[in-house]
Structure formats: C-alpha cells, structure tokens
C-alpha atoms as a PDB file:
ATOM      1  CA  MET A   1      -4.036 -13.906  23.497  1.00  0.00           C
ATOM      2  CA  ILE A   2      -0.496 -15.297  23.582  1.00  0.00           C
ATOM      3  CA  PRO A   3      -1.304 -18.591  21.976  1.00  0.00           C
ATOM      4  CA  TRP A   4      -3.390 -16.818  19.280  1.00  0.00           C
ATOM      5  CA  LEU A   5      -0.580 -14.344  18.586  1.00  0.00           C
ATOM      6  CA  ALA A   6       1.974 -17.223  18.411  1.00  0.00           C
ATOM      7  CA  ARG A   7      -0.133 -19.035  15.882  1.00  0.00           C
ATOM      8  CA  ARG A   8      -0.570 -15.858  13.718  1.00  0.00           C
ATOM      9  CA  LEU A   9       3.106 -15.126  13.731  1.00  0.00           C
ATOM     10  CA  LEU A  10       3.858 -18.714  12.822  1.00  0.00           C
ATOM     11  CA  TRP A  11       1.457 -18.589   9.931  1.00  0.00           C
ATOM     12  CA  SER A  12       2.715 -15.225   8.789  1.00  0.00           C
ATOM     13  CA  LEU A  13       6.229 -16.485   8.705  1.00  0.00           C
ATOM     14  CA  LEU A  14       5.198 -19.557   6.701  1.00  0.00           C
ATOM     15  CA  MET A  15       3.235 -17.339   4.258  1.00  0.00           C
ATOM     16  CA  LEU A  16       6.356 -15.074   3.738  1.00  0.00           C
ATOM     17  CA  VAL A  17       8.614 -18.022   3.168  1.00  0.00           C
ATOM     18  CA  LEU A  18       6.094 -19.434   0.646  1.00  0.00           C
ATOM     19  CA  LEU A  19       5.910 -16.213  -1.144  1.00  0.00           C
ATOM     20  CA  ALA A  20       9.665 -15.649  -1.252  1.00  0.00           C
ATOM     21  CA  THR A  21      10.075 -19.156  -2.669  1.00  0.00           C
ATOM     22  CA  ILE A  22       7.484 -18.708  -5.371  1.00  0.00           C
ATOM     23  CA  VAL A  23       8.730 -15.371  -6.380  1.00  0.00           C
ATOM     24  CA  PHE A  24      12.464 -16.619  -6.413  1.00  0.00           C
ATOM     25  CA  ALA A  25      11.355 -19.404  -8.787  1.00  0.00           C
ATOM     26  CA  VAL A  26       9.259 -17.416 -11.114  1.00  0.00           C
ATOM     27  CA  VAL A  27      11.816 -14.599 -11.687  1.00  0.00           C
ATOM     28  CA  ARG A  28      14.763 -16.927 -12.238  1.00  0.00           C
ATOM     29  CA  LEU A  29      12.755 -19.375 -14.573  1.00  0.00           C
ATOM     30  CA  ALA A  30      11.501 -16.431 -16.744  1.00  0.00           C
ATOM     31  CA  PRO A  31      12.930 -16.684 -20.314  1.00  0.00           C
ATOM     32  CA  GLY A  32      15.920 -14.431 -21.305  1.00  0.00           C
ATOM     33  CA  ASP A  33      19.286 -13.711 -20.024  1.00  0.00           C
ATOM     34  CA  PRO A  34      19.214 -11.625 -16.915  1.00  0.00           C
ATOM     35  CA  LEU A  35      22.853 -10.475 -17.487  1.00  0.00           C
ATOM     36  CA  VAL A  36      21.968  -8.945 -20.865  1.00  0.00           C
ATOM     37  CA  ALA A  37      19.062  -6.905 -19.225  1.00  0.00           C
ATOM     38  CA  SER A  38      21.196  -5.860 -16.191  1.00  0.00           C
ATOM     39  CA  VAL A  39      24.631  -5.165 -17.407  1.00  0.00           C
ATOM     40  CA  GLY A  40      24.068  -5.001 -21.268  1.00  0.00           C
ATOM     41  CA  GLU A  41      25.482  -6.952 -24.208  1.00  0.00           C
ATOM     42  CA  THR A  42      29.121  -8.069 -24.226  1.00  0.00           C
ATOM     43  CA  SER A  43      31.169  -9.542 -27.019  1.00  0.00           C
ATOM     44  CA  ASP A  44      33.595 -11.255 -24.669  1.00  0.00           C
ATOM     45  CA  ALA A  45      32.058 -14.614 -24.060  1.00  0.00           C
ATOM     46  CA  ARG A  46      34.690 -15.476 -21.404  1.00  0.00           C
ATOM     47  CA  ALA A  47      33.834 -12.341 -19.356  1.00  0.00           C
ATOM     48  CA  HIS A  48      30.240 -13.095 -19.638  1.00  0.00           C
ATOM     49  CA  GLN A  49      30.779 -16.558 -18.311  1.00  0.00           C
ATOM     50  CA  LEU A  50      32.916 -15.376 -15.429  1.00  0.00           C
ATOM     51  CA  LEU A  51      30.403 -12.786 -14.495  1.00  0.00           C
ATOM     52  CA  ARG A  52      27.614 -15.579 -14.420  1.00  0.00           C
ATOM     53  CA  GLU A  53      29.770 -17.671 -12.190  1.00  0.00           C
ATOM     54  CA  ARG A  54      30.436 -14.783  -9.885  1.00  0.00           C
ATOM     55  CA  LEU A  55      26.842 -14.124  -9.499  1.00  0.00           C
ATOM     56  CA  GLY A  56      26.049 -17.771  -9.062  1.00  0.00           C
ATOM     57  CA  LEU A  57      23.752 -18.037 -12.022  1.00  0.00           C
ATOM     58  CA  ASP A  58      25.711 -21.151 -13.142  1.00  0.00           C
ATOM     59  CA  GLN A  59      24.434 -23.006  -9.989  1.00  0.00           C
ATOM     60  CA  PRO A  60      21.314 -25.148  -9.932  1.00  0.00           C
ATOM     61  CA  LEU A  61      18.197 -23.363  -8.907  1.00  0.00           C
ATOM     62  CA  ALA A  62      18.041 -25.084  -5.509  1.00  0.00           C
ATOM     63  CA  ALA A  63      21.635 -24.041  -4.695  1.00  0.00           C
ATOM     64  CA  GLN A  64      20.865 -20.458  -5.745  1.00  0.00           C
ATOM     65  CA  TYR A  65      17.934 -20.253  -3.462  1.00  0.00           C
ATOM     66  CA  LEU A  66      19.822 -21.748  -0.535  1.00  0.00           C
ATOM     67  CA  HIS A  67      22.623 -19.226  -1.066  1.00  0.00           C
ATOM     68  CA  TRP A  68      20.046 -16.375  -1.135  1.00  0.00           C
ATOM     69  CA  VAL A  69      18.437 -17.603   2.044  1.00  0.00           C
ATOM     70  CA  ALA A  70      21.745 -17.899   3.826  1.00  0.00           C
ATOM     71  CA  GLN A  71      22.515 -14.277   2.672  1.00  0.00           C
ATOM     72  CA  CYS A  72      19.132 -13.025   4.125  1.00  0.00           C
ATOM     73  CA  ALA A  73      19.776 -14.799   7.318  1.00  0.00           C
ATOM     74  CA  ARG A  74      23.019 -12.790   7.733  1.00  0.00           C
ATOM     75  CA  GLY A  75      21.087  -9.617   6.874  1.00  0.00           C
ATOM     76  CA  ASP A  76      22.855  -9.295   3.447  1.00  0.00           C
ATOM     77  CA  TRP A  77      20.420  -8.648   0.521  1.00  0.00           C
ATOM     78  CA  GLY A  78      23.347  -8.614  -1.926  1.00  0.00           C
ATOM     79  CA  GLN A  79      24.301  -6.094  -4.559  1.00  0.00           C
ATOM     80  CA  SER A  80      22.016  -4.570  -7.159  1.00  0.00           C
ATOM     81  CA  TRP A  81      23.249  -5.790 -10.596  1.00  0.00           C
ATOM     82  CA  ARG A  82      21.998  -2.781 -12.301  1.00  0.00           C
ATOM     83  CA  GLN A  83      23.018   0.012  -9.889  1.00  0.00           C
ATOM     84  CA  GLN A  84      26.091  -1.710  -8.707  1.00  0.00           C
ATOM     85  CA  ARG A  85      25.466  -0.900  -4.967  1.00  0.00           C
ATOM     86  CA  PRO A  86      24.120  -2.668  -1.927  1.00  0.00           C
ATOM     87  CA  VAL A  87      20.542  -3.639  -2.101  1.00  0.00           C
ATOM     88  CA  ALA A  88      19.921  -2.417   1.443  1.00  0.00           C
ATOM     89  CA  ASP A  89      20.851   1.098   0.350  1.00  0.00           C
ATOM     90  CA  VAL A  90      18.485   1.041  -2.669  1.00  0.00           C
ATOM     91  CA  VAL A  91      15.649  -0.230  -0.453  1.00  0.00           C
ATOM     92  CA  ARG A  92      16.325   2.193   2.331  1.00  0.00           C
ATOM     93  CA  GLU A  93      16.162   5.158   0.053  1.00  0.00           C
ATOM     94  CA  ALA A  94      12.923   4.010  -1.459  1.00  0.00           C
ATOM     95  CA  LEU A  95      11.129   2.883   1.695  1.00  0.00           C
ATOM     96  CA  GLY A  96      10.686   6.327   3.262  1.00  0.00           C
ATOM     97  CA  PRO A  97       8.834   7.816   0.104  1.00  0.00           C
ATOM     98  CA  THR A  98       6.667   4.695  -0.042  1.00  0.00           C
ATOM     99  CA  LEU A  99       5.511   5.013   3.563  1.00  0.00           C
ATOM    100  CA  LEU A 100       4.929   8.737   3.179  1.00  0.00           C
ATOM    101  CA  LEU A 101       2.763   8.241   0.153  1.00  0.00           C
ATOM    102  CA  THR A 102       0.661   5.147   1.426  1.00  0.00           C
ATOM    103  CA  THR A 103       0.189   6.704   4.898  1.00  0.00           C
ATOM    104  CA  SER A 104      -0.889  10.007   3.568  1.00  0.00           C
ATOM    105  CA  ALA A 105      -3.185   8.245   0.979  1.00  0.00           C
ATOM    106  CA  TYR A 106      -4.822   6.204   3.827  1.00  0.00           C
ATOM    107  CA  VAL A 107      -5.558   9.240   5.901  1.00  0.00           C
ATOM    108  CA  LEU A 108      -7.078  11.144   3.088  1.00  0.00           C
ATOM    109  CA  GLN A 109      -9.039   7.955   2.115  1.00  0.00           C
ATOM    110  CA  LEU A 110     -10.454   7.654   5.690  1.00  0.00           C
ATOM    111  CA  ALA A 111     -11.478  11.306   5.661  1.00  0.00           C
ATOM    112  CA  LEU A 112     -13.212  11.023   2.364  1.00  0.00           C
ATOM    113  CA  ALA A 113     -14.927   7.781   3.298  1.00  0.00           C
ATOM    114  CA  LEU A 114     -16.090   9.077   6.607  1.00  0.00           C
ATOM    115  CA  GLY A 115     -17.480  12.315   5.009  1.00  0.00           C
ATOM    116  CA  ALA A 116     -19.126  10.182   2.193  1.00  0.00           C
ATOM    117  CA  ALA A 117     -20.717   7.703   4.440  1.00  0.00           C
ATOM    118  CA  VAL A 118     -22.114  10.276   6.916  1.00  0.00           C
ATOM    119  CA  LEU A 119     -23.588  12.335   3.991  1.00  0.00           C
ATOM    120  CA  MET A 120     -25.044   9.287   2.319  1.00  0.00           C
ATOM    121  CA  ALA A 121     -26.569   8.114   5.639  1.00  0.00           C
ATOM    122  CA  ALA A 122     -27.967  11.600   6.440  1.00  0.00           C
ATOM    123  CA  TYR A 123     -29.695  12.040   2.916  1.00  0.00           C
ATOM    124  CA  ARG A 124     -30.526   8.372   2.364  1.00  0.00           C
ATOM    125  CA  GLY A 125     -32.378   7.920  -0.879  1.00  0.00           C
ATOM    126  CA  ARG A 126     -32.192  11.670  -1.805  1.00  0.00           C
ATOM    127  CA  ALA A 127     -29.914  13.508  -4.348  1.00  0.00           C
ATOM    128  CA  PRO A 128     -26.778  13.913  -2.208  1.00  0.00           C
ATOM    129  CA  ASP A 129     -26.860  10.169  -1.615  1.00  0.00           C
ATOM    130  CA  HIS A 130     -27.060   9.299  -5.183  1.00  0.00           C
ATOM    131  CA  LEU A 131     -24.609  12.066  -6.228  1.00  0.00           C
ATOM    132  CA  VAL A 132     -21.864  11.028  -3.882  1.00  0.00           C
ATOM    133  CA  GLY A 133     -22.329   7.401  -4.175  1.00  0.00           C
ATOM    134  CA  GLY A 134     -22.219   7.592  -8.031  1.00  0.00           C
ATOM    135  CA  ALA A 135     -19.146   9.727  -7.940  1.00  0.00           C
ATOM    136  CA  GLY A 136     -17.418   7.465  -5.629  1.00  0.00           C
ATOM    137  CA  LEU A 137     -18.353   4.308  -7.645  1.00  0.00           C
ATOM    138  CA  ALA A 138     -16.975   6.097 -10.770  1.00  0.00           C
ATOM    139  CA  PHE A 139     -13.658   6.826  -9.070  1.00  0.00           C
ATOM    140  CA  LEU A 140     -13.529   3.234  -7.802  1.00  0.00           C
ATOM    141  CA  SER A 141     -13.991   1.731 -11.187  1.00  0.00           C
ATOM    142  CA  MET A 142     -11.259   3.800 -12.792  1.00  0.00           C
ATOM    143  CA  PRO A 143      -7.887   2.167 -13.324  1.00  0.00           C
ATOM    144  CA  GLY A 144      -5.232   3.831 -11.154  1.00  0.00           C
ATOM    145  CA  TYR A 145      -2.910   4.721 -14.049  1.00  0.00           C
ATOM    146  CA  TRP A 146      -5.736   6.315 -16.063  1.00  0.00           C
ATOM    147  CA  LEU A 147      -6.911   8.401 -12.951  1.00  0.00           C
ATOM    148  CA  GLY A 148      -3.336   9.574 -12.401  1.00  0.00           C
ATOM    149  CA  LEU A 149      -2.850  10.613 -15.930  1.00  0.00           C
ATOM    150  CA  MET A 150      -6.120  12.496 -15.906  1.00  0.00           C
ATOM    151  CA  LEU A 151      -5.173  14.406 -12.738  1.00  0.00           C
ATOM    152  CA  ILE A 152      -1.914  15.178 -14.266  1.00  0.00           C
ATOM    153  CA  LEU A 153      -3.462  16.495 -17.469  1.00  0.00           C
ATOM    154  CA  LEU A 154      -5.900  18.622 -15.389  1.00  0.00           C
ATOM    155  CA  PHE A 155      -3.978  19.972 -12.511  1.00  0.00           C
ATOM    156  CA  GLY A 156      -0.421  19.551 -13.942  1.00  0.00           C
ATOM    157  CA  ARG A 157      -0.522  20.457 -17.530  1.00  0.00           C
ATOM    158  CA  GLY A 158      -3.947  22.144 -17.906  1.00  0.00           C
ATOM    159  CA  LEU A 159      -4.233  24.489 -14.841  1.00  0.00           C
ATOM    160  CA  GLY A 160      -0.519  24.322 -13.905  1.00  0.00           C
ATOM    161  CA  TRP A 161      -1.399  24.303 -10.185  1.00  0.00           C
ATOM    162  CA  LEU A 162       0.589  21.200  -9.074  1.00  0.00           C
ATOM    163  CA  PRO A 163       3.751  19.469 -10.393  1.00  0.00           C
ATOM    164  CA  SER A 164       3.169  16.533 -12.792  1.00  0.00           C
ATOM    165  CA  GLY A 165       5.565  14.158 -10.975  1.00  0.00           C
ATOM    166  CA  GLY A 166       8.718  13.706  -9.041  1.00  0.00           C
ATOM    167  CA  TYR A 167       9.700  13.878  -5.353  1.00  0.00           C
ATOM    168  CA  GLY A 168      10.729  17.625  -5.282  1.00  0.00           C
ATOM    169  CA  SER A 169      11.675  20.475  -7.549  1.00  0.00           C
ATOM    170  CA  ALA A 170      15.204  21.059  -8.722  1.00  0.00           C
ATOM    171  CA  GLY A 171      17.229  22.943  -6.120  1.00  0.00           C
ATOM    172  CA  ALA A 172      14.648  22.316  -3.336  1.00  0.00           C
ATOM    173  CA  ALA A 173      17.329  20.997  -1.047  1.00  0.00           C
ATOM    174  CA  GLY A 174      18.740  24.598  -0.792  1.00  0.00           C
ATOM    175  CA  LEU A 175      15.351  26.041   0.365  1.00  0.00           C
ATOM    176  CA  PRO A 176      14.409  26.867   3.995  1.00  0.00           C
ATOM    177  CA  ALA A 177      12.637  24.108   5.897  1.00  0.00           C
ATOM    178  CA  GLY A 178       9.181  25.578   5.444  1.00  0.00           C
ATOM    179  CA  ALA A 179       9.663  25.938   1.704  1.00  0.00           C
ATOM    180  CA  ARG A 180      10.970  22.445   1.359  1.00  0.00           C
ATOM    181  CA  LEU A 181       7.859  21.111   3.192  1.00  0.00           C
ATOM    182  CA  PHE A 182       5.563  23.145   0.961  1.00  0.00           C
ATOM    183  CA  ASP A 183       7.407  21.851  -2.178  1.00  0.00           C
ATOM    184  CA  LEU A 184       7.106  18.239  -0.984  1.00  0.00           C
ATOM    185  CA  LEU A 185       3.368  18.561  -0.234  1.00  0.00           C
ATOM    186  CA  ARG A 186       2.828  19.873  -3.768  1.00  0.00           C
ATOM    187  CA  HIS A 187       4.519  17.022  -5.337  1.00  0.00           C
ATOM    188  CA  LEU A 188       2.654  14.640  -2.990  1.00  0.00           C
ATOM    189  CA  ALA A 189      -0.767  15.999  -3.684  1.00  0.00           C
ATOM    190  CA  LEU A 190      -1.513  14.286  -7.006  1.00  0.00           C
ATOM    191  CA  PRO A 191      -0.183  10.821  -6.174  1.00  0.00           C
ATOM    192  CA  VAL A 192      -1.978  10.771  -2.802  1.00  0.00           C
ATOM    193  CA  ALA A 193      -5.151  11.934  -4.465  1.00  0.00           C
ATOM    194  CA  THR A 194      -4.980   9.211  -6.993  1.00  0.00           C
ATOM    195  CA  LEU A 195      -4.626   6.482  -4.432  1.00  0.00           C
ATOM    196  CA  ALA A 196      -7.259   7.964  -2.098  1.00  0.00           C
ATOM    197  CA  LEU A 197      -9.918   8.792  -4.861  1.00  0.00           C
ATOM    198  CA  GLY A 198      -9.538   5.227  -6.206  1.00  0.00           C
ATOM    199  CA  SER A 199     -10.326   3.481  -2.948  1.00  0.00           C
ATOM    200  CA  PHE A 200     -12.370   5.638  -0.498  1.00  0.00           C
ATOM    201  CA  MET A 201     -15.753   4.543  -1.810  1.00  0.00           C
ATOM    202  CA  ALA A 202     -15.093   0.794  -0.824  1.00  0.00           C
ATOM    203  CA  THR A 203     -14.600   2.083   2.789  1.00  0.00           C
ATOM    204  CA  ALA A 204     -17.417   4.448   2.607  1.00  0.00           C
ATOM    205  CA  ARG A 205     -19.853   1.613   1.648  1.00  0.00           C
ATOM    206  CA  TYR A 206     -18.848  -0.410   4.610  1.00  0.00           C
ATOM    207  CA  LEU A 207     -19.307   2.523   6.867  1.00  0.00           C
ATOM    208  CA  ARG A 208     -22.668   3.456   5.278  1.00  0.00           C
ATOM    209  CA  ALA A 209     -23.898  -0.199   5.981  1.00  0.00           C
ATOM    210  CA  ALA A 210     -22.553   0.068   9.554  1.00  0.00           C
ATOM    211  CA  LEU A 211     -24.278   3.469  10.104  1.00  0.00           C
ATOM    212  CA  ASP A 212     -27.634   2.007   8.716  1.00  0.00           C
ATOM    213  CA  GLU A 213     -27.261  -0.978  11.056  1.00  0.00           C
ATOM    214  CA  ALA A 214     -26.471   1.315  14.081  1.00  0.00           C
ATOM    215  CA  LEU A 215     -29.366   3.715  13.337  1.00  0.00           C
ATOM    216  CA  ALA A 216     -31.855   0.728  13.458  1.00  0.00           C
ATOM    217  CA  GLN A 217     -30.561  -0.307  17.052  1.00  0.00           C
ATOM    218  CA  ASP A 218     -32.831  -0.064  20.048  1.00  0.00           C
ATOM    219  CA  PHE A 219     -30.671   2.574  21.759  1.00  0.00           C
ATOM    220  CA  ILE A 220     -31.010   4.915  18.833  1.00  0.00           C
ATOM    221  CA  LEU A 221     -34.798   4.428  18.714  1.00  0.00           C
ATOM    222  CA  ALA A 222     -34.898   5.148  22.438  1.00  0.00           C
ATOM    223  CA  ALA A 223     -32.798   8.340  21.981  1.00  0.00           C
ATOM    224  CA  ARG A 224     -34.996   9.385  19.028  1.00  0.00           C
ATOM    225  CA  ALA A 225     -38.024   8.917  21.265  1.00  0.00           C
ATOM    226  CA  ARG A 226     -36.451  11.258  23.892  1.00  0.00           C
ATOM    227  CA  GLY A 227     -36.369  13.981  21.354  1.00  0.00           C
ATOM    228  CA  VAL A 228     -32.697  13.872  20.335  1.00  0.00           C
ATOM    229  CA  SER A 229     -32.057  15.563  17.026  1.00  0.00           C
ATOM    230  CA  GLU A 230     -31.134  13.579  13.960  1.00  0.00           C
ATOM    231  CA  ARG A 231     -27.772  15.238  13.600  1.00  0.00           C
ATOM    232  CA  ARG A 232     -26.812  14.375  17.184  1.00  0.00           C
ATOM    233  CA  LEU A 233     -28.185  10.848  16.810  1.00  0.00           C
ATOM    234  CA  LEU A 234     -25.951  10.409  13.724  1.00  0.00           C
ATOM    235  CA  TRP A 235     -22.698  12.075  14.855  1.00  0.00           C
ATOM    236  CA  ARG A 236     -22.750  11.324  18.695  1.00  0.00           C
ATOM    237  CA  HIS A 237     -24.516   8.027  18.887  1.00  0.00           C
ATOM    238  CA  ALA A 238     -24.430   6.111  15.572  1.00  0.00           C
ATOM    239  CA  LEU A 239     -21.210   6.960  14.209  1.00  0.00           C
ATOM    240  CA  PRO A 240     -18.955   5.852  17.100  1.00  0.00           C
ATOM    241  CA  HIS A 241     -20.804   2.434  16.953  1.00  0.00           C
ATOM    242  CA  ALA A 242     -20.117   2.261  13.280  1.00  0.00           C
ATOM    243  CA  LEU A 243     -16.364   3.056  13.370  1.00  0.00           C
ATOM    244  CA  LEU A 244     -15.389  -0.384  14.527  1.00  0.00           C
ATOM    245  CA  PRO A 245     -15.233  -1.904  11.024  1.00  0.00           C
ATOM    246  CA  LEU A 246     -12.474   0.582  10.203  1.00  0.00           C
ATOM    247  CA  VAL A 247     -10.041  -1.390  12.323  1.00  0.00           C
ATOM    248  CA  THR A 248     -10.608  -4.579  10.336  1.00  0.00           C
ATOM    249  CA  LEU A 249     -10.630  -2.701   7.119  1.00  0.00           C
ATOM    250  CA  ALA A 250      -7.274  -1.294   7.739  1.00  0.00           C
ATOM    251  CA  GLY A 251      -5.636  -4.772   7.391  1.00  0.00           C
ATOM    252  CA  LEU A 252      -7.653  -5.386   4.240  1.00  0.00           C
ATOM    253  CA  HIS A 253      -6.720  -2.139   2.540  1.00  0.00           C
ATOM    254  CA  LEU A 254      -2.945  -2.215   3.117  1.00  0.00           C
ATOM    255  CA  PRO A 255      -2.462  -4.786   0.105  1.00  0.00           C
ATOM    256  CA  GLN A 256      -4.600  -2.399  -1.987  1.00  0.00           C
ATOM    257  CA  LEU A 257      -2.528   0.515  -1.084  1.00  0.00           C
ATOM    258  CA  VAL A 258       0.833  -1.137  -1.604  1.00  0.00           C
ATOM    259  CA  GLY A 259      -0.313  -2.672  -4.923  1.00  0.00           C
ATOM    260  CA  GLY A 260      -1.773   0.699  -5.910  1.00  0.00           C
ATOM    261  CA  ALA A 261       1.392   2.473  -5.101  1.00  0.00           C
ATOM    262  CA  VAL A 262       3.337   0.516  -7.624  1.00  0.00           C
ATOM    263  CA  VAL A 263       1.299   1.883 -10.431  1.00  0.00           C
ATOM    264  CA  VAL A 264       1.012   5.489  -8.954  1.00  0.00           C
ATOM    265  CA  GLU A 265       4.800   5.605  -8.211  1.00  0.00           C
ATOM    266  CA  THR A 266       5.494   4.688 -11.849  1.00  0.00           C
ATOM    267  CA  VAL A 267       2.989   7.227 -13.177  1.00  0.00           C
ATOM    268  CA  PHE A 268       4.200  10.120 -11.187  1.00  0.00           C
ATOM    269  CA  GLY A 269       7.906   9.213 -11.017  1.00  0.00           C
ATOM    270  CA  TRP A 270       7.796   8.859  -7.262  1.00  0.00           C
ATOM    271  CA  PRO A 271      11.039   7.357  -5.942  1.00  0.00           C
ATOM    272  CA  GLY A 272       9.307   4.547  -3.805  1.00  0.00           C
ATOM    273  CA  LEU A 273       9.554   0.725  -3.622  1.00  0.00           C
ATOM    274  CA  GLY A 274       6.960   0.392  -6.314  1.00  0.00           C
ATOM    275  CA  ARG A 275       9.018   2.232  -8.885  1.00  0.00           C
ATOM    276  CA  VAL A 276      12.201   0.527  -7.790  1.00  0.00           C
ATOM    277  CA  ALA A 277      10.472  -2.841  -8.243  1.00  0.00           C
ATOM    278  CA  VAL A 278       9.238  -2.011 -11.587  1.00  0.00           C
ATOM    279  CA  GLU A 279      12.596  -0.807 -12.811  1.00  0.00           C
ATOM    280  CA  ALA A 280      14.229  -3.935 -11.311  1.00  0.00           C
ATOM    281  CA  ILE A 281      11.794  -6.260 -13.093  1.00  0.00           C
ATOM    282  CA  GLY A 282      12.604  -4.590 -16.306  1.00  0.00           C
ATOM    283  CA  ALA A 283      16.251  -5.016 -15.829  1.00  0.00           C
ATOM    284  CA  ARG A 284      15.934  -8.401 -14.442  1.00  0.00           C
ATOM    285  CA  ASP A 285      17.839  -7.218 -11.215  1.00  0.00           C
ATOM    286  CA  TYR A 286      17.086 -10.384  -9.103  1.00  0.00           C
ATOM    287  CA  PRO A 287      18.493  -9.226  -5.760  1.00  0.00           C
ATOM    288  CA  VAL A 288      16.254  -5.869  -6.007  1.00  0.00           C
ATOM    289  CA  ILE A 289      13.227  -7.782  -7.040  1.00  0.00           C
ATOM    290  CA  MET A 290      13.463 -10.137  -4.154  1.00  0.00           C
ATOM    291  CA  ALA A 291      14.191  -7.523  -1.639  1.00  0.00           C
ATOM    292  CA  THR A 292      11.319  -5.178  -2.663  1.00  0.00           C
ATOM    293  CA  THR A 293       8.825  -8.059  -2.947  1.00  0.00           C
ATOM    294  CA  LEU A 294       9.726  -9.425   0.425  1.00  0.00           C
ATOM    295  CA  LEU A 295       9.756  -6.057   2.143  1.00  0.00           C
ATOM    296  CA  SER A 296       6.197  -5.268   0.662  1.00  0.00           C
ATOM    297  CA  ALA A 297       4.945  -8.594   1.931  1.00  0.00           C
ATOM    298  CA  VAL A 298       6.375  -7.896   5.383  1.00  0.00           C
ATOM    299  CA  LEU A 299       4.657  -4.547   5.484  1.00  0.00           C
ATOM    300  CA  VAL A 300       1.223  -5.836   4.361  1.00  0.00           C
ATOM    301  CA  THR A 301       1.605  -8.905   6.889  1.00  0.00           C
ATOM    302  CA  LEU A 302       2.620  -6.659   9.718  1.00  0.00           C
ATOM    303  CA  GLY A 303      -0.150  -4.240   9.096  1.00  0.00           C
ATOM    304  CA  SER A 304      -2.710  -6.918   8.809  1.00  0.00           C
ATOM    305  CA  LEU A 305      -1.508  -8.542  12.119  1.00  0.00           C
ATOM    306  CA  LEU A 306      -1.657  -5.171  14.054  1.00  0.00           C
ATOM    307  CA  ALA A 307      -5.235  -4.515  12.521  1.00  0.00           C
ATOM    308  CA  ASP A 308      -6.265  -7.958  13.934  1.00  0.00           C
ATOM    309  CA  ILE A 309      -4.657  -7.292  17.320  1.00  0.00           C
ATOM    310  CA  ALA A 310      -6.421  -3.867  17.558  1.00  0.00           C
ATOM    311  CA  CYS A 311      -9.747  -5.563  16.538  1.00  0.00           C
ATOM    312  CA  ARG A 312      -9.487  -8.052  19.350  1.00  0.00           C
ATOM    313  CA  ARG A 313      -8.666  -5.327  21.861  1.00  0.00           C
ATOM    314  CA  VAL A 314     -11.572  -3.045  21.026  1.00  0.00           C
ATOM    315  CA  ASP A 315     -14.240  -5.616  20.280  1.00  0.00           C
ATOM    316  CA  PRO A 316     -15.012  -8.088  23.101  1.00  0.00           C
ATOM    317  CA  ARG A 317     -17.062 -10.234  20.736  1.00  0.00           C
ATOM    318  CA  VAL A 318     -13.953 -11.090  18.713  1.00  0.00           C
ATOM    319  CA  ARG A 319     -12.024 -11.972  21.913  1.00  0.00           C
ATOM    320  CA  LEU A 320     -14.913 -14.171  23.156  1.00  0.00           C
ATOM    321  CA  SER A 321     -15.145 -16.015  19.729  1.00  0.00           C
ATOM    322  CA  GLY A 322     -11.544 -17.256  20.130  1.00  0.00           C
ATOM    323  CA  GLN A 323     -10.696 -20.755  21.444  1.00  0.00           C
ATOM    324  CA  GLU A 324      -7.761 -19.531  23.418  1.00  0.00           C
ATOM    325  CA  THR A 325      -7.854 -18.529  27.016  1.00  0.00           C
ATOM    326  CA  PRO A 326      -7.629 -14.623  27.204  1.00  0.00           C
END
C-alpha cells in the first residue's frame, strides 16, 4: 500500500506541475495587453510601463514563471490585479460556496442515480424502465447552461417558487439562523438541481449494469430458489453487491462536477471558484487565473486519489491485482 501511495502522490504532483506550467504559458502568451483588461486604459505611457515593470510583465516568460513558482513555494499567491487585494482572500471566499454546491449536487446525483437504477432494474423492459431511462438521457444530453436557464424560467420567473440566482437574499445576514439557512437552501436549489439532473443518468447506467450483473449471480439464483421475494432480492442482496462501482465513479465524477460548476456558477451568479475564474479570465487577471486553476486541479486530484484508496480498501480484488506488497 505504501509504495503504491507514494507512486500515486508522485504522479499527482508531476501532473499538477505540468498543468500549472501549461496554463501559465497559455494565459501569458494569449494576445492582448493584460493591463488594459485588468486596470483599464491609461494615457500615461510612463505610468503604464512602470506598472508593467512592477508586475514583472517586462521579464522573459521563464523568469516570470520562476518568480511565480517561488511565490507559491512561500505560500504567497500574489495580488489580484483587478480587485487589488490578496489572491488568497479571493480564493478563500469562493472556495466555501463551491464546495457547498458540488457536495450538495453530488449527494443529490447519487440519490437520483440510485433511485433510477433500482427502478429500471425492477421494471426491466417495461414502461417505467423506458420512461426513466429516456428522461435521464434527455437531461444528460442537455448543455448545463441551457438546463439552468430553463429551470430559472420555470421555477424562478414563471412559478416564482425559487430565486433565480445569487447566494442569498438582500438583508439575509440579519435574519435568525433558521431563516438564513432556509434562504440559503432556496438559493442553492436550482444550481444543485442543474448539476445533478445533468449527470445522474451516467451513474444510474453504471449502477443498472452492476445490478443486472449481480442479479445473474449464483447466490441470487439460490436465494430465488429458496422463495425470497424479488423486492428483497433487489434491495437486500443485489444492491449492496452493485454499490462498489460508486467508489470508483466518485473519482471520475469530480472533474465533471468541478467543470460543470464553472458554467452553473456563472449562470446563477453563484460566488464560487468557477465564477471567479471566468471573471478573472475576462479581466486577464493572471494571479487569480493561476490560483483558481491550480486549486481546482488539486481538489480533483485529491478526490480521485481518495476514491482509489477507498476502492482498494473495500475491494480485495483491486488490492490483489497490484504489484506491491500489501
């Protein structure tokens, strides 16, 4: 276990370094003047040049990269050019809303996937199977921004049941704790539904295949021969056997959720990392772009690593297939 974990950590670190290097080069080689996008036009050419020198933009690309790496090694992500405050503060404020959104969406996605998979397996080949499968595939094929806008039009503008965006109502900070929580949940509902509805069927199809495989196993046939009901066979015998793929799928779904959160946060005005990254890209705010990209990559890599560790713990076949000594 230890040698495998050491190799995984090394490869993860190398991938993060490679990603950071590529993103650094791409954003700085993009055409246009970042100072114009970040701080606006200025008629004073001397002041413009002094600002460029102060930010190190007059240095060669390799020197800028080494300076950024040295800053990160000291735990300093620099100053936001657009907001004129430390990047660490910008990221810290956005991280909590993003984790709340993605975690809530993943929990709802699992619940929808589990219900859909069990229903399709129980009514295989019949109307509920086709109805649930068709609806799930329709949601899966919808672009996230389009699905989010449709939910806003239906529940926000049409029915008026839920807020159309934002993190909270005006003046919510002065409400009692219970009222603040309810207000937050109302604002969270549509973004979470957009992420979950757009991805649950992918998990449900994996679970459905695992359930079909489990129901064909000898121990299921033996239980059926003993007179065990089909409902009990499905819930008590086949389903626990089919849940193992969820551990592996957790690592695969993290990039999808993080990537989808960028679109959803922009559509709903959710103050998370995705929205901050989009605004930073529009303003050519290099320090914020690098920080949000690197942090998102770290979250995805860490989640994938934890999923692999959990999979090796719960499935002896994965441990035995490794080359290292347990």
